Structure formats: structure tokens, C-alpha cells
Amino acid sequence: MKYAFLVLLLAACGQQEADTRMVKLTLVKQGAGFTAELHKHCGDDMILHPLGCAKVAGTTCNLVVPEPRGGYDDKDALAVWGHELRHCFNGPVHD
């Protein structure tokens, strides 16, 4: 739950009210079955080896990301969080 608050706080920082979205966070445990669980939540319209996804529905963004191993020291997982959170506001484009 502490991660959901952090994501909501980051999403609100520096955004104008018109750009505000509610972020729903789903954490997926890393390890065996990770990719299958992502496909369950994200669908099949992803790249071959997905790391997470962001699906916008109205004013809500459903963020599905890996649960950090060992908390805040898992820089790879947290980088996926930032990447997917950016999709909530900038759309599905990778530029």
C-alpha cells in the first residue's frame, strides 16, 4: 500500500489539474510465472518480453509493475515503475 501512495504522489507532482489521473497499482511478484501474470493483467498486445504495462481508462491509469525485491534498492524494478507511469501521461509511444 505504501507504494500506491508514492505513485499517486509522483503522478500529482508538477501536473496541472487537466493532466491528473488516478493511478491504480498492481504489483506482480518477480520470478517464475512473472510474464504469464503480466499477460493476465495487461493482455497480449505487448512486446515479446514485457516488464510491465500502463492501461489508461478515462481518468484512471492501471499500472502493472514488478514488485521490488528487497524494497527500494531494486533499481531495475523501480525504473519500470517510472517508465510505465510516464505512459499514463504521455500515451503508449516509446520515444
N, C-alpha and C. Protein backbone atom coordinates (compact mmCIF):
# COMPACT_ATOMS: atom_id res chain seq x y z
N MET A 1 0.82 -1.20 0.00
CA MET A 1 0.00 0.00 0.00
C MET A 1 0.86 1.26 0.00
N LYS A 2 2.04 1.20 0.66
CA LYS A 2 2.90 2.39 0.69
C LYS A 2 3.34 2.78 -0.71
N TYR A 3 3.48 1.79 -1.64
CA TYR A 3 3.88 2.10 -3.00
C TYR A 3 2.77 2.85 -3.73
N ALA A 4 1.53 2.49 -3.50
CA ALA A 4 0.42 3.16 -4.17
C ALA A 4 0.42 4.65 -3.83
N PHE A 5 0.66 4.97 -2.57
CA PHE A 5 0.70 6.37 -2.16
C PHE A 5 1.84 7.09 -2.87
N LEU A 6 3.01 6.45 -2.95
CA LEU A 6 4.16 7.05 -3.60
C LEU A 6 3.87 7.32 -5.07
N VAL A 7 3.27 6.37 -5.76
CA VAL A 7 2.94 6.54 -7.17
C VAL A 7 1.94 7.66 -7.36
N LEU A 8 0.92 7.72 -6.52
CA LEU A 8 -0.07 8.80 -6.62
C LEU A 8 0.58 10.15 -6.38
N LEU A 9 1.49 10.21 -5.42
CA LEU A 9 2.18 11.45 -5.13
C LEU A 9 3.03 11.87 -6.31
N LEU A 10 3.78 10.94 -6.90
CA LEU A 10 4.61 11.26 -8.06
C LEU A 10 3.77 11.68 -9.25
N ALA A 11 2.64 11.04 -9.43
CA ALA A 11 1.77 11.38 -10.55
C ALA A 11 1.22 12.79 -10.42
N ALA A 12 1.03 13.25 -9.21
CA ALA A 12 0.44 14.56 -8.99
C ALA A 12 1.48 15.68 -9.05
N CYS A 13 2.74 15.37 -8.81
CA CYS A 13 3.78 16.39 -8.78
C CYS A 13 3.94 17.06 -10.13
N GLY A 14 3.85 18.36 -10.15
CA GLY A 14 4.11 19.12 -11.34
C GLY A 14 3.06 19.01 -12.43
N GLN A 15 1.95 18.36 -12.18
CA GLN A 15 0.92 18.20 -13.21
C GLN A 15 -0.18 19.23 -12.99
N GLN A 16 -0.69 19.74 -14.08
CA GLN A 16 -1.84 20.61 -14.00
C GLN A 16 -3.08 19.74 -13.79
N GLU A 17 -4.14 20.33 -13.29
CA GLU A 17 -5.35 19.57 -13.00
C GLU A 17 -5.88 18.82 -14.21
N ALA A 18 -5.76 19.39 -15.40
CA ALA A 18 -6.26 18.72 -16.60
C ALA A 18 -5.48 17.43 -16.90
N ASP A 19 -4.26 17.33 -16.40
CA ASP A 19 -3.42 16.17 -16.63
C ASP A 19 -3.46 15.16 -15.49
N THR A 20 -4.35 15.35 -14.53
CA THR A 20 -4.40 14.49 -13.35
C THR A 20 -5.07 13.17 -13.68
N ARG A 21 -4.48 12.09 -13.21
CA ARG A 21 -5.04 10.75 -13.37
C ARG A 21 -4.92 10.03 -12.03
N MET A 22 -5.91 9.22 -11.74
CA MET A 22 -5.82 8.32 -10.60
C MET A 22 -5.02 7.12 -11.06
N VAL A 23 -4.04 6.69 -10.26
CA VAL A 23 -3.21 5.55 -10.63
C VAL A 23 -3.56 4.37 -9.74
N LYS A 24 -3.97 3.28 -10.40
CA LYS A 24 -4.24 2.03 -9.70
C LYS A 24 -3.01 1.15 -9.89
N LEU A 25 -2.45 0.69 -8.80
CA LEU A 25 -1.18 -0.05 -8.84
C LEU A 25 -1.41 -1.53 -8.58
N THR A 26 -0.89 -2.37 -9.49
CA THR A 26 -0.90 -3.81 -9.29
C THR A 26 0.54 -4.28 -9.31
N LEU A 27 0.99 -4.88 -8.21
CA LEU A 27 2.35 -5.39 -8.10
C LEU A 27 2.37 -6.86 -8.47
N VAL A 28 3.31 -7.25 -9.33
CA VAL A 28 3.46 -8.64 -9.74
C VAL A 28 4.79 -9.14 -9.19
N LYS A 29 4.72 -10.25 -8.47
CA LYS A 29 5.92 -10.84 -7.86
C LYS A 29 6.86 -11.32 -8.95
N GLN A 30 8.14 -10.94 -8.84
CA GLN A 30 9.15 -11.35 -9.79
C GLN A 30 9.51 -12.82 -9.59
N GLY A 31 9.93 -13.48 -10.66
CA GLY A 31 10.30 -14.88 -10.58
C GLY A 31 9.47 -15.71 -11.54
N ALA A 32 9.36 -16.99 -11.22
CA ALA A 32 8.60 -17.91 -12.07
C ALA A 32 7.16 -17.44 -12.21
N GLY A 33 6.66 -17.42 -13.42
CA GLY A 33 5.29 -17.02 -13.66
C GLY A 33 5.08 -15.53 -13.84
N PHE A 34 6.15 -14.75 -13.78
CA PHE A 34 6.04 -13.29 -13.88
C PHE A 34 5.41 -12.85 -15.20
N THR A 35 5.93 -13.37 -16.32
CA THR A 35 5.43 -12.97 -17.63
C THR A 35 3.97 -13.39 -17.83
N ALA A 36 3.63 -14.59 -17.38
CA ALA A 36 2.23 -15.05 -17.50
C ALA A 36 1.29 -14.15 -16.70
N GLU A 37 1.72 -13.75 -15.52
CA GLU A 37 0.89 -12.86 -14.69
C GLU A 37 0.74 -11.49 -15.34
N LEU A 38 1.80 -10.98 -15.95
CA LEU A 38 1.70 -9.70 -16.67
C LEU A 38 0.69 -9.81 -17.81
N HIS A 39 0.78 -10.89 -18.59
CA HIS A 39 -0.16 -11.07 -19.69
C HIS A 39 -1.60 -11.16 -19.19
N LYS A 40 -1.78 -11.76 -18.03
CA LYS A 40 -3.12 -11.86 -17.44
C LYS A 40 -3.71 -10.47 -17.17
N HIS A 41 -2.88 -9.56 -16.66
CA HIS A 41 -3.34 -8.22 -16.32
C HIS A 41 -3.29 -7.25 -17.50
N CYS A 42 -2.32 -7.44 -18.40
CA CYS A 42 -2.06 -6.46 -19.44
C CYS A 42 -2.61 -6.84 -20.81
N GLY A 43 -2.89 -8.12 -21.03
CA GLY A 43 -3.34 -8.56 -22.34
C GLY A 43 -2.18 -9.02 -23.19
N ASP A 44 -2.48 -9.36 -24.41
CA ASP A 44 -1.47 -9.92 -25.31
C ASP A 44 -0.90 -8.90 -26.29
N ASP A 45 -1.29 -7.64 -26.19
CA ASP A 45 -0.82 -6.63 -27.14
C ASP A 45 0.45 -5.93 -26.66
N MET A 46 1.36 -6.72 -26.09
CA MET A 46 2.60 -6.16 -25.56
C MET A 46 3.79 -6.71 -26.34
N ILE A 47 4.96 -6.18 -26.03
CA ILE A 47 6.19 -6.66 -26.64
C ILE A 47 6.46 -8.10 -26.18
N LEU A 48 7.43 -8.75 -26.80
CA LEU A 48 7.69 -10.17 -26.52
C LEU A 48 8.06 -10.45 -25.06
N HIS A 49 8.88 -9.61 -24.47
CA HIS A 49 9.31 -9.82 -23.08
C HIS A 49 8.93 -8.60 -22.24
N PRO A 50 7.66 -8.49 -21.88
CA PRO A 50 7.21 -7.29 -21.16
C PRO A 50 7.76 -7.22 -19.75
N LEU A 51 7.92 -6.01 -19.27
CA LEU A 51 8.37 -5.78 -17.90
C LEU A 51 7.27 -5.16 -17.05
N GLY A 52 6.23 -4.64 -17.70
CA GLY A 52 5.10 -4.01 -17.02
C GLY A 52 4.20 -3.41 -18.07
N CYS A 53 3.13 -2.75 -17.62
CA CYS A 53 2.25 -2.07 -18.56
C CYS A 53 1.47 -0.97 -17.85
N ALA A 54 0.95 -0.07 -18.65
CA ALA A 54 0.08 1.00 -18.17
C ALA A 54 -1.10 1.07 -19.12
N LYS A 55 -2.30 0.93 -18.59
CA LYS A 55 -3.52 0.98 -19.39
C LYS A 55 -4.38 2.13 -18.89
N VAL A 56 -4.65 3.09 -19.76
CA VAL A 56 -5.47 4.25 -19.38
C VAL A 56 -6.92 3.96 -19.73
N ALA A 57 -7.79 4.21 -18.75
CA ALA A 57 -9.24 4.07 -18.93
C ALA A 57 -9.89 5.30 -18.30
N GLY A 58 -10.23 6.26 -19.16
CA GLY A 58 -10.81 7.50 -18.64
C GLY A 58 -9.77 8.29 -17.88
N THR A 59 -10.07 8.59 -16.61
CA THR A 59 -9.12 9.34 -15.79
C THR A 59 -8.32 8.43 -14.87
N THR A 60 -8.38 7.12 -15.11
CA THR A 60 -7.63 6.16 -14.30
C THR A 60 -6.56 5.50 -15.15
N CYS A 61 -5.41 5.30 -14.58
CA CYS A 61 -4.33 4.58 -15.25
C CYS A 61 -4.03 3.33 -14.41
N ASN A 62 -4.20 2.18 -15.01
CA ASN A 62 -3.90 0.91 -14.34
C ASN A 62 -2.45 0.56 -14.63
N LEU A 63 -1.65 0.62 -13.59
CA LEU A 63 -0.22 0.37 -13.68
C LEU A 63 0.06 -1.03 -13.15
N VAL A 64 0.67 -1.88 -13.97
CA VAL A 64 1.03 -3.24 -13.57
C VAL A 64 2.55 -3.32 -13.66
N VAL A 65 3.20 -3.48 -12.52
CA VAL A 65 4.66 -3.40 -12.45
C VAL A 65 5.22 -4.47 -11.53
N PRO A 66 6.53 -4.76 -11.66
CA PRO A 66 7.13 -5.77 -10.78
C PRO A 66 7.24 -5.27 -9.35
N GLU A 67 7.00 -6.17 -8.42
CA GLU A 67 7.20 -5.85 -7.01
C GLU A 67 8.70 -5.80 -6.75
N PRO A 68 9.21 -4.68 -6.20
CA PRO A 68 10.65 -4.60 -5.96
C PRO A 68 11.13 -5.70 -5.02
N ARG A 69 12.26 -6.29 -5.37
CA ARG A 69 12.89 -7.28 -4.49
C ARG A 69 13.74 -6.51 -3.48
N GLY A 70 13.46 -6.69 -2.24
CA GLY A 70 14.27 -6.02 -1.22
C GLY A 70 13.97 -4.55 -1.04
N GLY A 71 12.82 -4.11 -1.46
CA GLY A 71 12.42 -2.72 -1.20
C GLY A 71 12.96 -1.74 -2.21
N TYR A 72 13.46 -0.61 -1.73
CA TYR A 72 13.85 0.50 -2.59
C TYR A 72 15.19 0.33 -3.28
N ASP A 73 15.90 -0.75 -3.03
CA ASP A 73 17.19 -0.97 -3.67
C ASP A 73 17.07 -1.65 -5.02
N ASP A 74 15.89 -2.05 -5.44
CA ASP A 74 15.69 -2.73 -6.72
C ASP A 74 15.50 -1.67 -7.80
N LYS A 75 16.62 -1.12 -8.26
CA LYS A 75 16.57 -0.02 -9.23
C LYS A 75 15.96 -0.44 -10.56
N ASP A 76 16.15 -1.70 -10.96
CA ASP A 76 15.57 -2.16 -12.23
C ASP A 76 14.05 -2.15 -12.17
N ALA A 77 13.48 -2.68 -11.09
CA ALA A 77 12.03 -2.69 -10.94
C ALA A 77 11.48 -1.28 -10.84
N LEU A 78 12.14 -0.42 -10.09
CA LEU A 78 11.66 0.95 -9.93
C LEU A 78 11.79 1.75 -11.22
N ALA A 79 12.77 1.40 -12.06
CA ALA A 79 12.88 2.04 -13.37
C ALA A 79 11.67 1.67 -14.24
N VAL A 80 11.20 0.43 -14.14
CA VAL A 80 9.99 0.01 -14.86
C VAL A 80 8.80 0.82 -14.36
N TRP A 81 8.72 1.05 -13.04
CA TRP A 81 7.63 1.86 -12.48
C TRP A 81 7.61 3.23 -13.15
N GLY A 82 8.77 3.88 -13.22
CA GLY A 82 8.84 5.21 -13.81
C GLY A 82 8.48 5.19 -15.29
N HIS A 83 8.97 4.20 -15.99
CA HIS A 83 8.68 4.07 -17.42
C HIS A 83 7.18 3.92 -17.66
N GLU A 84 6.56 3.02 -16.92
CA GLU A 84 5.12 2.78 -17.10
C GLU A 84 4.29 3.97 -16.62
N LEU A 85 4.71 4.62 -15.56
CA LEU A 85 3.99 5.81 -15.08
C LEU A 85 4.01 6.91 -16.14
N ARG A 86 5.11 7.02 -16.85
CA ARG A 86 5.18 8.02 -17.93
C ARG A 86 4.13 7.73 -19.00
N HIS A 87 3.88 6.44 -19.27
CA HIS A 87 2.85 6.09 -20.25
C HIS A 87 1.47 6.57 -19.80
N CYS A 88 1.24 6.66 -18.50
CA CYS A 88 -0.05 7.14 -18.00
C CYS A 88 -0.35 8.55 -18.50
N PHE A 89 0.69 9.34 -18.70
CA PHE A 89 0.50 10.74 -19.06
C PHE A 89 0.93 11.06 -20.49
N ASN A 90 1.81 10.24 -21.08
CA ASN A 90 2.30 10.52 -22.42
C ASN A 90 1.84 9.51 -23.46
N GLY A 91 1.01 8.57 -23.06
CA GLY A 91 0.47 7.59 -24.00
C GLY A 91 1.42 6.42 -24.24
N PRO A 92 1.08 5.57 -25.20
CA PRO A 92 1.81 4.33 -25.39
C PRO A 92 3.09 4.45 -26.21
N VAL A 93 3.43 5.65 -26.65
CA VAL A 93 4.56 5.83 -27.55
C VAL A 93 5.90 5.71 -26.80
N HIS A 94 6.84 5.04 -27.43
CA HIS A 94 8.23 4.97 -26.92
C HIS A 94 9.06 5.90 -27.79
N ASP A 95 9.42 7.05 -27.23
CA ASP A 95 10.24 7.98 -28.00
C ASP A 95 11.53 8.29 -27.29
